[in-house]
Amino acid sequence: MFSREEEWRKEDEAERDVRRKHADWAFIEAQPSRVKAALKLYVETGDLRLAQRIAGMGLEEFIETLLNAKIPRVTFI
């Protein structure tokens, strides 16, 4: 049996793998540096608010950029 922390780590890793797999990396690389950094951070961490602030965008605008980058918003339960 896994500890709760181990389960969370495995879920985080699985979510990250899904985001990495589906992301449009050509689109991400073509973005301005702040937006590119924010998209990459979101792919790795799933931290929507931090990535949005780094991008310097409003939340809805950043979510639209995530959709354009084909990065899924993944949460395992």
PDB file of N, CA and C in Angstrom:
ATOM      1  N   MET A   1       0.835  -1.179   0.000  1.00  0.00           N
ATOM      2  CA  MET A   1       0.000   0.000   0.000  1.00  0.00           C
ATOM      3  C   MET A   1       0.885   1.250   0.000  1.00  0.00           C
ATOM      4  N   PHE A   2       0.520   2.209  -0.823  1.00  0.00           N
ATOM      5  CA  PHE A   2       1.275   3.456  -0.913  1.00  0.00           C
ATOM      6  C   PHE A   2       0.830   4.430   0.172  1.00  0.00           C
ATOM      7  N   SER A   3       1.771   5.240   0.620  1.00  0.00           N
ATOM      8  CA  SER A   3       1.400   6.325   1.529  1.00  0.00           C
ATOM      9  C   SER A   3       0.627   7.370   0.727  1.00  0.00           C
ATOM     10  N   ARG A   4      -0.072   8.212   1.424  1.00  0.00           N
ATOM     11  CA  ARG A   4      -0.850   9.272   0.765  1.00  0.00           C
ATOM     12  C   ARG A   4       0.070  10.161  -0.073  1.00  0.00           C
ATOM     13  N   GLU A   5       1.240  10.503   0.452  1.00  0.00           N
ATOM     14  CA  GLU A   5       2.184  11.340  -0.292  1.00  0.00           C
ATOM     15  C   GLU A   5       2.651  10.649  -1.566  1.00  0.00           C
ATOM     16  N   GLU A   6       2.895   9.358  -1.493  1.00  0.00           N
ATOM     17  CA  GLU A   6       3.319   8.597  -2.673  1.00  0.00           C
ATOM     18  C   GLU A   6       2.197   8.562  -3.710  1.00  0.00           C
ATOM     19  N   GLU A   7       0.968   8.404  -3.262  1.00  0.00           N
ATOM     20  CA  GLU A   7      -0.177   8.418  -4.180  1.00  0.00           C
ATOM     21  C   GLU A   7      -0.282   9.768  -4.875  1.00  0.00           C
ATOM     22  N   TRP A   8      -0.138  10.859  -4.117  1.00  0.00           N
ATOM     23  CA  TRP A   8      -0.208  12.195  -4.711  1.00  0.00           C
ATOM     24  C   TRP A   8       0.913  12.405  -5.716  1.00  0.00           C
ATOM     25  N   ARG A   9       2.115  11.937  -5.387  1.00  0.00           N
ATOM     26  CA  ARG A   9       3.247  12.080  -6.303  1.00  0.00           C
ATOM     27  C   ARG A   9       2.980  11.338  -7.605  1.00  0.00           C
ATOM     28  N   LYS A  10       2.440  10.126  -7.495  1.00  0.00           N
ATOM     29  CA  LYS A  10       2.128   9.342  -8.691  1.00  0.00           C
ATOM     30  C   LYS A  10       1.029  10.008  -9.518  1.00  0.00           C
ATOM     31  N   GLU A  11       0.014  10.572  -8.864  1.00  0.00           N
ATOM     32  CA  GLU A  11      -1.040  11.287  -9.582  1.00  0.00           C
ATOM     33  C   GLU A  11      -0.476  12.516 -10.288  1.00  0.00           C
ATOM     34  N   ASP A  12       0.371  13.280  -9.590  1.00  0.00           N
ATOM     35  CA  ASP A  12       0.998  14.457 -10.205  1.00  0.00           C
ATOM     36  C   ASP A  12       1.807  14.061 -11.431  1.00  0.00           C
ATOM     37  N   GLU A  13       2.550  12.977 -11.320  1.00  0.00           N
ATOM     38  CA  GLU A  13       3.369  12.495 -12.433  1.00  0.00           C
ATOM     39  C   GLU A  13       2.490  12.073 -13.612  1.00  0.00           C
ATOM     40  N   ALA A  14       1.400  11.379 -13.335  1.00  0.00           N
ATOM     41  CA  ALA A  14       0.490  10.941 -14.397  1.00  0.00           C
ATOM     42  C   ALA A  14      -0.164  12.141 -15.076  1.00  0.00           C
ATOM     43  N   GLU A  15      -0.583  13.134 -14.289  1.00  0.00           N
ATOM     44  CA  GLU A  15      -1.182  14.342 -14.860  1.00  0.00           C
ATOM     45  C   GLU A  15      -0.177  15.073 -15.741  1.00  0.00           C
ATOM     46  N   ARG A  16       1.064  15.193 -15.273  1.00  0.00           N
ATOM     47  CA  ARG A  16       2.127  15.851 -16.041  1.00  0.00           C
ATOM     48  C   ARG A  16       2.362  15.116 -17.360  1.00  0.00           C
ATOM     49  N   ASP A  17       2.378  13.790 -17.316  1.00  0.00           N
ATOM     50  CA  ASP A  17       2.586  13.001 -18.534  1.00  0.00           C
ATOM     51  C   ASP A  17       1.488  13.261 -19.560  1.00  0.00           C
ATOM     52  N   VAL A  18       0.244  13.371 -19.097  1.00  0.00           N
ATOM     53  CA  VAL A  18      -0.872  13.656 -20.010  1.00  0.00           C
ATOM     54  C   VAL A  18      -0.693  15.040 -20.627  1.00  0.00           C
ATOM     55  N   ARG A  19      -0.368  16.032 -19.800  1.00  0.00           N
ATOM     56  CA  ARG A  19      -0.164  17.389 -20.336  1.00  0.00           C
ATOM     57  C   ARG A  19       0.984  17.411 -21.336  1.00  0.00           C
ATOM     58  N   ARG A  20       2.098  16.743 -21.024  1.00  0.00           N
ATOM     59  CA  ARG A  20       3.250  16.702 -21.945  1.00  0.00           C
ATOM     60  C   ARG A  20       2.878  16.052 -23.272  1.00  0.00           C
ATOM     61  N   LYS A  21       2.161  14.952 -23.193  1.00  0.00           N
ATOM     62  CA  LYS A  21       1.824  14.176 -24.389  1.00  0.00           C
ATOM     63  C   LYS A  21       0.932  14.960 -25.350  1.00  0.00           C
ATOM     64  N   HIS A  22      -0.023  15.702 -24.822  1.00  0.00           N
ATOM     65  CA  HIS A  22      -1.016  16.361 -25.669  1.00  0.00           C
ATOM     66  C   HIS A  22      -0.643  17.781 -26.080  1.00  0.00           C
ATOM     67  N   ALA A  23       0.351  18.372 -25.431  1.00  0.00           N
ATOM     68  CA  ALA A  23       0.720  19.759 -25.715  1.00  0.00           C
ATOM     69  C   ALA A  23       1.227  19.921 -27.145  1.00  0.00           C
ATOM     70  N   ASP A  24       0.883  21.042 -27.747  1.00  0.00           N
ATOM     71  CA  ASP A  24       1.374  21.407 -29.078  1.00  0.00           C
ATOM     72  C   ASP A  24       2.683  22.176 -28.872  1.00  0.00           C
ATOM     73  N   TRP A  25       3.789  21.446 -28.901  1.00  0.00           N
ATOM     74  CA  TRP A  25       5.081  22.036 -28.568  1.00  0.00           C
ATOM     75  C   TRP A  25       5.528  23.072 -29.592  1.00  0.00           C
ATOM     76  N   ALA A  26       5.144  22.933 -30.841  1.00  0.00           N
ATOM     77  CA  ALA A  26       5.493  23.946 -31.845  1.00  0.00           C
ATOM     78  C   ALA A  26       4.796  25.266 -31.514  1.00  0.00           C
ATOM     79  N   PHE A  27       3.529  25.198 -31.116  1.00  0.00           N
ATOM     80  CA  PHE A  27       2.793  26.398 -30.713  1.00  0.00           C
ATOM     81  C   PHE A  27       3.450  27.029 -29.490  1.00  0.00           C
ATOM     82  N   ILE A  28       3.786  26.210 -28.501  1.00  0.00           N
ATOM     83  CA  ILE A  28       4.394  26.716 -27.270  1.00  0.00           C
ATOM     84  C   ILE A  28       5.714  27.420 -27.574  1.00  0.00           C
ATOM     85  N   GLU A  29       6.561  26.798 -28.376  1.00  0.00           N
ATOM     86  CA  GLU A  29       7.870  27.380 -28.696  1.00  0.00           C
ATOM     87  C   GLU A  29       7.754  28.673 -29.496  1.00  0.00           C
ATOM     88  N   ALA A  30       6.643  28.879 -30.195  1.00  0.00           N
ATOM     89  CA  ALA A  30       6.458  30.078 -31.009  1.00  0.00           C
ATOM     90  C   ALA A  30       5.949  31.277 -30.199  1.00  0.00           C
ATOM     91  N   GLN A  31       5.664  31.089 -28.924  1.00  0.00           N
ATOM     92  CA  GLN A  31       5.104  32.154 -28.091  1.00  0.00           C
ATOM     93  C   GLN A  31       6.202  33.084 -27.570  1.00  0.00           C
ATOM     94  N   PRO A  32       5.807  34.314 -27.193  1.00  0.00           N
ATOM     95  CA  PRO A  32       6.770  35.215 -26.542  1.00  0.00           C
ATOM     96  C   PRO A  32       7.334  34.548 -25.285  1.00  0.00           C
ATOM     97  N   SER A  33       8.510  34.978 -24.867  1.00  0.00           N
ATOM     98  CA  SER A  33       9.228  34.267 -23.805  1.00  0.00           C
ATOM     99  C   SER A  33       8.432  34.104 -22.512  1.00  0.00           C
ATOM    100  N   ARG A  34       7.721  35.131 -22.063  1.00  0.00           N
ATOM    101  CA  ARG A  34       6.945  35.001 -20.813  1.00  0.00           C
ATOM    102  C   ARG A  34       5.832  33.977 -20.953  1.00  0.00           C
ATOM    103  N   VAL A  35       5.142  34.011 -22.072  1.00  0.00           N
ATOM    104  CA  VAL A  35       4.032  33.077 -22.295  1.00  0.00           C
ATOM    105  C   VAL A  35       4.578  31.662 -22.442  1.00  0.00           C
ATOM    106  N   LYS A  36       5.667  31.518 -23.182  1.00  0.00           N
ATOM    107  CA  LYS A  36       6.290  30.197 -23.347  1.00  0.00           C
ATOM    108  C   LYS A  36       6.707  29.627 -21.993  1.00  0.00           C
ATOM    109  N   ALA A  37       7.351  30.441 -21.166  1.00  0.00           N
ATOM    110  CA  ALA A  37       7.769  29.987 -19.835  1.00  0.00           C
ATOM    111  C   ALA A  37       6.560  29.587 -18.997  1.00  0.00           C
ATOM    112  N   ALA A  38       5.498  30.366 -19.080  1.00  0.00           N
ATOM    113  CA  ALA A  38       4.288  30.072 -18.310  1.00  0.00           C
ATOM    114  C   ALA A  38       3.635  28.775 -18.774  1.00  0.00           C
ATOM    115  N   LEU A  39       3.572  28.563 -20.074  1.00  0.00           N
ATOM    116  CA  LEU A  39       2.979  27.328 -20.596  1.00  0.00           C
ATOM    117  C   LEU A  39       3.799  26.116 -20.170  1.00  0.00           C
ATOM    118  N   LYS A  40       5.113  26.231 -20.247  1.00  0.00           N
ATOM    119  CA  LYS A  40       5.975  25.120 -19.826  1.00  0.00           C
ATOM    120  C   LYS A  40       5.821  24.850 -18.333  1.00  0.00           C
ATOM    121  N   LEU A  41       5.725  25.910 -17.533  1.00  0.00           N
ATOM    122  CA  LEU A  41       5.529  25.736 -16.098  1.00  0.00           C
ATOM    123  C   LEU A  41       4.202  25.026 -15.836  1.00  0.00           C
ATOM    124  N   TYR A  42       3.157  25.426 -16.559  1.00  0.00           N
ATOM    125  CA  TYR A  42       1.857  24.780 -16.366  1.00  0.00           C
ATOM    126  C   TYR A  42       1.926  23.300 -16.737  1.00  0.00           C
ATOM    127  N   VAL A  43       2.590  22.981 -17.835  1.00  0.00           N
ATOM    128  CA  VAL A  43       2.729  21.576 -18.235  1.00  0.00           C
ATOM    129  C   VAL A  43       3.404  20.780 -17.122  1.00  0.00           C
ATOM    130  N   GLU A  44       4.440  21.334 -16.532  1.00  0.00           N
ATOM    131  CA  GLU A  44       5.204  20.607 -15.514  1.00  0.00           C
ATOM    132  C   GLU A  44       4.520  20.553 -14.153  1.00  0.00           C
ATOM    133  N   THR A  45       3.809  21.617 -13.775  1.00  0.00           N
ATOM    134  CA  THR A  45       3.270  21.682 -12.414  1.00  0.00           C
ATOM    135  C   THR A  45       1.756  21.627 -12.321  1.00  0.00           C
ATOM    136  N   GLY A  46       1.072  22.069 -13.374  1.00  0.00           N
ATOM    137  CA  GLY A  46      -0.385  22.158 -13.307  1.00  0.00           C
ATOM    138  C   GLY A  46      -0.872  23.348 -12.496  1.00  0.00           C
ATOM    139  N   ASP A  47       0.033  24.257 -12.120  1.00  0.00           N
ATOM    140  CA  ASP A  47      -0.333  25.420 -11.303  1.00  0.00           C
ATOM    141  C   ASP A  47      -0.866  26.524 -12.218  1.00  0.00           C
ATOM    142  N   LEU A  48      -2.182  26.565 -12.359  1.00  0.00           N
ATOM    143  CA  LEU A  48      -2.832  27.476 -13.291  1.00  0.00           C
ATOM    144  C   LEU A  48      -2.600  28.936 -12.913  1.00  0.00           C
ATOM    145  N   ARG A  49      -2.818  29.288 -11.661  1.00  0.00           N
ATOM    146  CA  ARG A  49      -2.713  30.689 -11.238  1.00  0.00           C
ATOM    147  C   ARG A  49      -1.282  31.218 -11.338  1.00  0.00           C
ATOM    148  N   LEU A  50      -0.309  30.431 -10.934  1.00  0.00           N
ATOM    149  CA  LEU A  50       1.078  30.881 -11.037  1.00  0.00           C
ATOM    150  C   LEU A  50       1.461  31.063 -12.504  1.00  0.00           C
ATOM    151  N   ALA A  51       1.111  30.112 -13.344  1.00  0.00           N
ATOM    152  CA  ALA A  51       1.435  30.209 -14.769  1.00  0.00           C
ATOM    153  C   ALA A  51       0.751  31.419 -15.400  1.00  0.00           C
ATOM    154  N   GLN A  52      -0.486  31.663 -15.019  1.00  0.00           N
ATOM    155  CA  GLN A  52      -1.233  32.807 -15.544  1.00  0.00           C
ATOM    156  C   GLN A  52      -0.552  34.116 -15.156  1.00  0.00           C
ATOM    157  N   ARG A  53      -0.096  34.219 -13.915  1.00  0.00           N
ATOM    158  CA  ARG A  53       0.584  35.443 -13.467  1.00  0.00           C
ATOM    159  C   ARG A  53       1.916  35.628 -14.184  1.00  0.00           C
ATOM    160  N   ILE A  54       2.659  34.544 -14.383  1.00  0.00           N
ATOM    161  CA  ILE A  54       3.935  34.638 -15.100  1.00  0.00           C
ATOM    162  C   ILE A  54       3.711  35.110 -16.530  1.00  0.00           C
ATOM    163  N   ALA A  55       2.637  34.623 -17.154  1.00  0.00           N
ATOM    164  CA  ALA A  55       2.328  35.015 -18.531  1.00  0.00           C
ATOM    165  C   ALA A  55       1.911  36.477 -18.623  1.00  0.00           C
ATOM    166  N   GLY A  56       1.473  37.052 -17.497  1.00  0.00           N
ATOM    167  CA  GLY A  56       1.016  38.439 -17.514  1.00  0.00           C
ATOM    168  C   GLY A  56      -0.325  38.588 -18.200  1.00  0.00           C
ATOM    169  N   MET A  57      -1.152  37.555 -18.114  1.00  0.00           N
ATOM    170  CA  MET A  57      -2.463  37.539 -18.767  1.00  0.00           C
ATOM    171  C   MET A  57      -3.561  37.428 -17.721  1.00  0.00           C
ATOM    172  N   GLY A  58      -4.766  37.803 -18.131  1.00  0.00           N
ATOM    173  CA  GLY A  58      -5.930  37.510 -17.313  1.00  0.00           C
ATOM    174  C   GLY A  58      -6.182  36.011 -17.348  1.00  0.00           C
ATOM    175  N   LEU A  59      -6.950  35.527 -16.384  1.00  0.00           N
ATOM    176  CA  LEU A  59      -7.189  34.087 -16.290  1.00  0.00           C
ATOM    177  C   LEU A  59      -7.864  33.534 -17.539  1.00  0.00           C
ATOM    178  N   GLU A  60      -8.919  34.189 -18.003  1.00  0.00           N
ATOM    179  CA  GLU A  60      -9.628  33.685 -19.188  1.00  0.00           C
ATOM    180  C   GLU A  60      -8.729  33.686 -20.420  1.00  0.00           C
ATOM    181  N   GLU A  61      -7.919  34.719 -20.569  1.00  0.00           N
ATOM    182  CA  GLU A  61      -6.994  34.785 -21.708  1.00  0.00           C
ATOM    183  C   GLU A  61      -5.968  33.655 -21.629  1.00  0.00           C
ATOM    184  N   PHE A  62      -5.468  33.380 -20.419  1.00  0.00           N
ATOM    185  CA  PHE A  62      -4.491  32.303 -20.279  1.00  0.00           C
ATOM    186  C   PHE A  62      -5.130  30.947 -20.555  1.00  0.00           C
ATOM    187  N   ILE A  63      -6.344  30.733 -20.082  1.00  0.00           N
ATOM    188  CA  ILE A  63      -7.040  29.470 -20.358  1.00  0.00           C
ATOM    189  C   ILE A  63      -7.241  29.305 -21.861  1.00  0.00           C
ATOM    190  N   GLU A  64      -7.574  30.386 -22.553  1.00  0.00           N
ATOM    191  CA  GLU A  64      -7.711  30.334 -24.014  1.00  0.00           C
ATOM    192  C   GLU A  64      -6.372  29.951 -24.658  1.00  0.00           C
ATOM    193  N   THR A  65      -5.275  30.468 -24.138  1.00  0.00           N
ATOM    194  CA  THR A  65      -3.947  30.122 -24.648  1.00  0.00           C
ATOM    195  C   THR A  65      -3.646  28.650 -24.395  1.00  0.00           C
ATOM    196  N   LEU A  66      -4.048  28.132 -23.224  1.00  0.00           N
ATOM    197  CA  LEU A  66      -3.888  26.697 -22.952  1.00  0.00           C
ATOM    198  C   LEU A  66      -4.641  25.867 -23.986  1.00  0.00           C
ATOM    199  N   LEU A  67      -5.853  26.296 -24.305  1.00  0.00           N
ATOM    200  CA  LEU A  67      -6.641  25.568 -25.309  1.00  0.00           C
ATOM    201  C   LEU A  67      -5.950  25.613 -26.667  1.00  0.00           C
ATOM    202  N   ASN A  68      -5.436  26.779 -27.043  1.00  0.00           N
ATOM    203  CA  ASN A  68      -4.722  26.905 -28.318  1.00  0.00           C
ATOM    204  C   ASN A  68      -3.465  26.040 -28.345  1.00  0.00           C
ATOM    205  N   ALA A  69      -2.838  25.872 -27.181  1.00  0.00           N
ATOM    206  CA  ALA A  69      -1.635  25.044 -27.073  1.00  0.00           C
ATOM    207  C   ALA A  69      -1.975  23.562 -26.904  1.00  0.00           C
ATOM    208  N   LYS A  70      -3.263  23.261 -26.864  1.00  0.00           N
ATOM    209  CA  LYS A  70      -3.756  21.880 -26.725  1.00  0.00           C
ATOM    210  C   LYS A  70      -3.279  21.213 -25.432  1.00  0.00           C
ATOM    211  N   ILE A  71      -3.088  22.029 -24.396  1.00  0.00           N
ATOM    212  CA  ILE A  71      -2.682  21.494 -23.096  1.00  0.00           C
ATOM    213  C   ILE A  71      -3.948  21.197 -22.301  1.00  0.00           C
ATOM    214  N   PRO A  72      -4.203  19.940 -21.997  1.00  0.00           N
ATOM    215  CA  PRO A  72      -5.423  19.616 -21.253  1.00  0.00           C
ATOM    216  C   PRO A  72      -5.300  20.004 -19.786  1.00  0.00           C
ATOM    217  N   ARG A  73      -6.421  20.348 -19.202  1.00  0.00           N
ATOM    218  CA  ARG A  73      -6.481  20.571 -17.754  1.00  0.00           C
ATOM    219  C   ARG A  73      -6.892  19.248 -17.144  1.00  0.00           C
ATOM    220  N   VAL A  74      -5.956  18.596 -16.478  1.00  0.00           N
ATOM    221  CA  VAL A  74      -6.121  17.219 -16.010  1.00  0.00           C
ATOM    222  C   VAL A  74      -6.168  17.186 -14.490  1.00  0.00           C
ATOM    223  N   THR A  75      -7.131  16.458 -13.946  1.00  0.00           N
ATOM    224  CA  THR A  75      -7.184  16.205 -12.511  1.00  0.00           C
ATOM    225  C   THR A  75      -7.658  14.783 -12.307  1.00  0.00           C
ATOM    226  N   PHE A  76      -6.821  13.973 -11.685  1.00  0.00           N
ATOM    227  CA  PHE A  76      -7.219  12.608 -11.339  1.00  0.00           C
ATOM    228  C   PHE A  76      -7.809  12.625  -9.940  1.00  0.00           C
ATOM    229  N   ILE A  77      -8.828  11.824  -9.753  1.00  0.00           N
ATOM    230  CA  ILE A  77      -9.472  11.749  -8.435  1.00  0.00           C
ATOM    231  C   ILE A  77      -9.228  10.386  -7.839  1.00  0.00           C
TER     232      ILE A  77
END
